[in-house]
Amino acid sequence: MKKITIINGPNLNLLGIREPELYGYENFSDFLKKLKKKLSTSSIEINYYQNNSEGKIIDILHSVGFKSDGIILNAGAYTHTSIGIADAVKSISSPVIEVHISNIYSRESFRKKSFLSPVCNGTIFGFGFKSYELGIMSFCL
């Protein structure tokens, strides 16, 4: 069984009500239930964490980063500001895919710089919640 960990960063707990014109109207909990149901016949176990605190996200990476078969990381705004999270990704052995719901290159200029992309195994963005599913699929090829 492949153990995949999804980690969401700040403000992603508000999906479904936060800027729905950008992120849609579905909350992440409902999406995750559908995703787990879709993958229920496969040999994939998904663990999920969400935290608004940079330090807690680093702690989660340290905790799961040596035992997960893959990590899907949407660090939200910390993508563009956190060298600490980038260093945590570099410090662990589990492969990490950076994901974003929106197309970060079609948004504000500060979102075009990611401290995570250079230390992650890949980056998927702009496909809505499907970005998470594509990230999981990358670990199963």
C-alpha atoms as a PDB file:
ATOM      1  CA  MET A   1       0.000   0.000   0.000  1.00  0.00           C
ATOM      2  CA  LYS A   2       1.328   3.447  -0.967  1.00  0.00           C
ATOM      3  CA  LYS A   3       1.085   6.037   1.781  1.00  0.00           C
ATOM      4  CA  ILE A   4       0.453   9.508   0.370  1.00  0.00           C
ATOM      5  CA  THR A   5       0.305  12.588   2.589  1.00  0.00           C
ATOM      6  CA  ILE A   6      -1.464  15.787   1.575  1.00  0.00           C
ATOM      7  CA  ILE A   7      -0.404  18.933   3.424  1.00  0.00           C
ATOM      8  CA  ASN A   8      -2.314  22.183   2.953  1.00  0.00           C
ATOM      9  CA  GLY A   9      -1.081  25.505   4.254  1.00  0.00           C
ATOM     10  CA  PRO A  10      -2.628  28.796   5.304  1.00  0.00           C
ATOM     11  CA  ASN A  11      -6.171  29.769   4.392  1.00  0.00           C
ATOM     12  CA  LEU A  12      -6.830  26.510   2.547  1.00  0.00           C
ATOM     13  CA  ASN A  13      -9.160  25.551   5.392  1.00  0.00           C
ATOM     14  CA  LEU A  14     -11.478  28.208   3.895  1.00  0.00           C
ATOM     15  CA  LEU A  15     -11.797  26.567   0.473  1.00  0.00           C
ATOM     16  CA  GLY A  16     -15.386  26.658  -0.686  1.00  0.00           C
ATOM     17  CA  ILE A  17     -16.023  30.061   0.869  1.00  0.00           C
ATOM     18  CA  ARG A  18     -12.747  31.897   0.211  1.00  0.00           C
ATOM     19  CA  GLU A  19     -12.651  33.634  -3.170  1.00  0.00           C
ATOM     20  CA  PRO A  20     -14.959  31.103  -4.842  1.00  0.00           C
ATOM     21  CA  GLU A  21     -14.497  32.780  -8.217  1.00  0.00           C
ATOM     22  CA  LEU A  22     -10.850  31.688  -8.002  1.00  0.00           C
ATOM     23  CA  TYR A  23     -10.997  28.463  -5.971  1.00  0.00           C
ATOM     24  CA  GLY A  24     -14.551  27.220  -6.544  1.00  0.00           C
ATOM     25  CA  TYR A  25     -17.388  26.456  -4.158  1.00  0.00           C
ATOM     26  CA  GLU A  26     -16.365  22.988  -2.975  1.00  0.00           C
ATOM     27  CA  ASN A  27     -14.651  22.657   0.383  1.00  0.00           C
ATOM     28  CA  PHE A  28     -11.541  20.504   0.691  1.00  0.00           C
ATOM     29  CA  SER A  29     -13.156  18.015   3.058  1.00  0.00           C
ATOM     30  CA  ASP A  30     -15.837  17.145   0.491  1.00  0.00           C
ATOM     31  CA  PHE A  31     -13.216  16.876  -2.260  1.00  0.00           C
ATOM     32  CA  LEU A  32     -11.056  14.609  -0.092  1.00  0.00           C
ATOM     33  CA  LYS A  33     -13.998  12.281   0.611  1.00  0.00           C
ATOM     34  CA  LYS A  34     -14.664  11.972  -3.137  1.00  0.00           C
ATOM     35  CA  LEU A  35     -10.979  11.405  -3.858  1.00  0.00           C
ATOM     36  CA  LYS A  36     -10.671   8.673  -1.224  1.00  0.00           C
ATOM     37  CA  LYS A  37     -13.799   6.999  -2.574  1.00  0.00           C
ATOM     38  CA  LYS A  38     -12.419   7.165  -6.125  1.00  0.00           C
ATOM     39  CA  LEU A  39      -9.149   5.613  -4.968  1.00  0.00           C
ATOM     40  CA  SER A  40     -10.768   3.062  -2.641  1.00  0.00           C
ATOM     41  CA  THR A  41     -10.108   0.171  -4.998  1.00  0.00           C
ATOM     42  CA  SER A  42      -6.446   1.116  -5.405  1.00  0.00           C
ATOM     43  CA  SER A  43      -3.674   0.457  -2.942  1.00  0.00           C
ATOM     44  CA  ILE A  44      -3.314   4.095  -1.859  1.00  0.00           C
ATOM     45  CA  GLU A  45      -3.750   5.391   1.670  1.00  0.00           C
ATOM     46  CA  ILE A  46      -4.167   9.149   1.986  1.00  0.00           C
ATOM     47  CA  ASN A  47      -3.380  11.087   5.143  1.00  0.00           C
ATOM     48  CA  TYR A  48      -4.317  14.755   5.307  1.00  0.00           C
ATOM     49  CA  TYR A  49      -3.042  17.703   7.316  1.00  0.00           C
ATOM     50  CA  GLN A  50      -3.904  21.382   7.152  1.00  0.00           C
ATOM     51  CA  ASN A  51      -2.297  24.105   9.188  1.00  0.00           C
ATOM     52  CA  ASN A  52      -2.092  27.880   8.997  1.00  0.00           C
ATOM     53  CA  SER A  53       1.217  28.031  10.869  1.00  0.00           C
ATOM     54  CA  GLU A  54       4.580  27.834   9.108  1.00  0.00           C
ATOM     55  CA  GLY A  55       6.278  26.069  12.025  1.00  0.00           C
ATOM     56  CA  LYS A  56       3.537  23.455  12.276  1.00  0.00           C
ATOM     57  CA  ILE A  57       3.832  22.707   8.551  1.00  0.00           C
ATOM     58  CA  ILE A  58       7.569  22.187   9.047  1.00  0.00           C
ATOM     59  CA  ASP A  59       6.824  19.865  11.990  1.00  0.00           C
ATOM     60  CA  ILE A  60       4.391  17.865   9.848  1.00  0.00           C
ATOM     61  CA  LEU A  61       6.982  17.540   7.071  1.00  0.00           C
ATOM     62  CA  HIS A  62       9.540  16.301   9.619  1.00  0.00           C
ATOM     63  CA  SER A  63       7.003  13.842  11.037  1.00  0.00           C
ATOM     64  CA  VAL A  64       5.813  12.276   7.755  1.00  0.00           C
ATOM     65  CA  GLY A  65       8.800  12.997   5.523  1.00  0.00           C
ATOM     66  CA  PHE A  66      10.641   9.750   6.166  1.00  0.00           C
ATOM     67  CA  LYS A  67       7.698   7.349   6.036  1.00  0.00           C
ATOM     68  CA  SER A  68       5.375   8.630   3.289  1.00  0.00           C
ATOM     69  CA  ASP A  69       5.715   7.257  -0.229  1.00  0.00           C
ATOM     70  CA  GLY A  70       4.864  10.725  -1.467  1.00  0.00           C
ATOM     71  CA  ILE A  71       3.809  14.131  -0.189  1.00  0.00           C
ATOM     72  CA  ILE A  72       1.462  16.539  -1.947  1.00  0.00           C
ATOM     73  CA  LEU A  73       2.237  20.006  -0.588  1.00  0.00           C
ATOM     74  CA  ASN A  74       0.129  23.098  -1.149  1.00  0.00           C
ATOM     75  CA  ALA A  75       1.901  25.572   1.096  1.00  0.00           C
ATOM     76  CA  GLY A  76      -0.382  28.423   0.022  1.00  0.00           C
ATOM     77  CA  ALA A  77       1.222  31.820   0.483  1.00  0.00           C
ATOM     78  CA  TYR A  78       4.214  30.228   2.245  1.00  0.00           C
ATOM     79  CA  THR A  79       5.232  28.965  -1.213  1.00  0.00           C
ATOM     80  CA  HIS A  80       6.417  32.485  -1.959  1.00  0.00           C
ATOM     81  CA  THR A  81       7.923  33.361   1.421  1.00  0.00           C
ATOM     82  CA  SER A  82       9.154  30.355   3.375  1.00  0.00           C
ATOM     83  CA  ILE A  83      12.758  29.307   3.166  1.00  0.00           C
ATOM     84  CA  GLY A  84      12.050  27.265   6.319  1.00  0.00           C
ATOM     85  CA  ILE A  85       9.507  25.060   4.540  1.00  0.00           C
ATOM     86  CA  ALA A  86      11.863  24.745   1.557  1.00  0.00           C
ATOM     87  CA  ASP A  87      14.655  23.636   3.894  1.00  0.00           C
ATOM     88  CA  ALA A  88      12.308  21.104   5.514  1.00  0.00           C
ATOM     89  CA  VAL A  89      11.461  19.643   2.085  1.00  0.00           C
ATOM     90  CA  LYS A  90      15.198  19.384   1.321  1.00  0.00           C
ATOM     91  CA  SER A  91      15.770  17.646   4.668  1.00  0.00           C
ATOM     92  CA  ILE A  92      13.346  14.756   4.211  1.00  0.00           C
ATOM     93  CA  SER A  93      13.592  11.630   2.068  1.00  0.00           C
ATOM     94  CA  SER A  94       9.978  11.357   0.855  1.00  0.00           C
ATOM     95  CA  PRO A  95       9.387  12.820  -2.606  1.00  0.00           C
ATOM     96  CA  VAL A  96       7.327  16.024  -2.605  1.00  0.00           C
ATOM     97  CA  ILE A  97       5.070  17.418  -5.326  1.00  0.00           C
ATOM     98  CA  GLU A  98       4.163  21.104  -4.991  1.00  0.00           C
ATOM     99  CA  VAL A  99       0.553  21.772  -6.000  1.00  0.00           C
ATOM    100  CA  HIS A 100      -1.626  24.831  -6.391  1.00  0.00           C
ATOM    101  CA  ILE A 101      -5.305  25.025  -7.233  1.00  0.00           C
ATOM    102  CA  SER A 102      -4.995  28.185  -9.303  1.00  0.00           C
ATOM    103  CA  ASN A 103      -2.560  29.092 -12.053  1.00  0.00           C
ATOM    104  CA  ILE A 104      -0.010  30.998 -10.010  1.00  0.00           C
ATOM    105  CA  TYR A 105       1.463  32.556 -13.168  1.00  0.00           C
ATOM    106  CA  SER A 106      -1.823  34.241 -14.066  1.00  0.00           C
ATOM    107  CA  ARG A 107      -2.063  35.978 -10.695  1.00  0.00           C
ATOM    108  CA  GLU A 108      -0.115  38.653  -8.827  1.00  0.00           C
ATOM    109  CA  SER A 109       3.564  38.974  -9.705  1.00  0.00           C
ATOM    110  CA  PHE A 110       4.756  37.907  -6.224  1.00  0.00           C
ATOM    111  CA  ARG A 111       3.090  34.495  -6.758  1.00  0.00           C
ATOM    112  CA  LYS A 112       5.398  33.746  -9.679  1.00  0.00           C
ATOM    113  CA  LYS A 113       8.335  33.106  -7.305  1.00  0.00           C
ATOM    114  CA  SER A 114       8.308  29.775  -5.479  1.00  0.00           C
ATOM    115  CA  PHE A 115      10.897  28.827  -2.893  1.00  0.00           C
ATOM    116  CA  LEU A 116       9.514  25.276  -3.066  1.00  0.00           C
ATOM    117  CA  SER A 117       9.695  24.477  -6.784  1.00  0.00           C
ATOM    118  CA  PRO A 118      13.498  24.084  -6.828  1.00  0.00           C
ATOM    119  CA  VAL A 119      13.424  21.568  -3.942  1.00  0.00           C
ATOM    120  CA  CYS A 120      10.333  19.578  -4.945  1.00  0.00           C
ATOM    121  CA  ASN A 121      10.212  16.666  -7.385  1.00  0.00           C
ATOM    122  CA  GLY A 122       7.637  18.491  -9.485  1.00  0.00           C
ATOM    123  CA  THR A 123       4.992  21.199  -9.541  1.00  0.00           C
ATOM    124  CA  ILE A 124       1.367  20.992 -10.664  1.00  0.00           C
ATOM    125  CA  PHE A 125      -0.861  24.049 -10.754  1.00  0.00           C
ATOM    126  CA  GLY A 126      -3.916  25.509 -12.405  1.00  0.00           C
ATOM    127  CA  PHE A 127      -6.135  22.419 -12.544  1.00  0.00           C
ATOM    128  CA  GLY A 128      -8.284  23.175  -9.506  1.00  0.00           C
ATOM    129  CA  PHE A 129      -8.621  20.267  -7.083  1.00  0.00           C
ATOM    130  CA  LYS A 130      -7.539  17.974  -9.933  1.00  0.00           C
ATOM    131  CA  SER A 131      -3.983  19.226  -9.216  1.00  0.00           C
ATOM    132  CA  TYR A 132      -3.982  17.035  -6.076  1.00  0.00           C
ATOM    133  CA  GLU A 133      -5.167  13.986  -7.983  1.00  0.00           C
ATOM    134  CA  LEU A 134      -2.529  14.530 -10.670  1.00  0.00           C
ATOM    135  CA  GLY A 135       0.104  14.760  -7.942  1.00  0.00           C
ATOM    136  CA  ILE A 136      -1.033  11.473  -6.440  1.00  0.00           C
ATOM    137  CA  MET A 137      -1.019   9.847  -9.863  1.00  0.00           C
ATOM    138  CA  SER A 138       2.606  10.904 -10.330  1.00  0.00           C
ATOM    139  CA  PHE A 139       3.576   8.685  -7.380  1.00  0.00           C
ATOM    140  CA  CYS A 140       1.761   5.710  -8.847  1.00  0.00           C
ATOM    141  CA  LEU A 141       3.393   5.594 -12.278  1.00  0.00           C
END
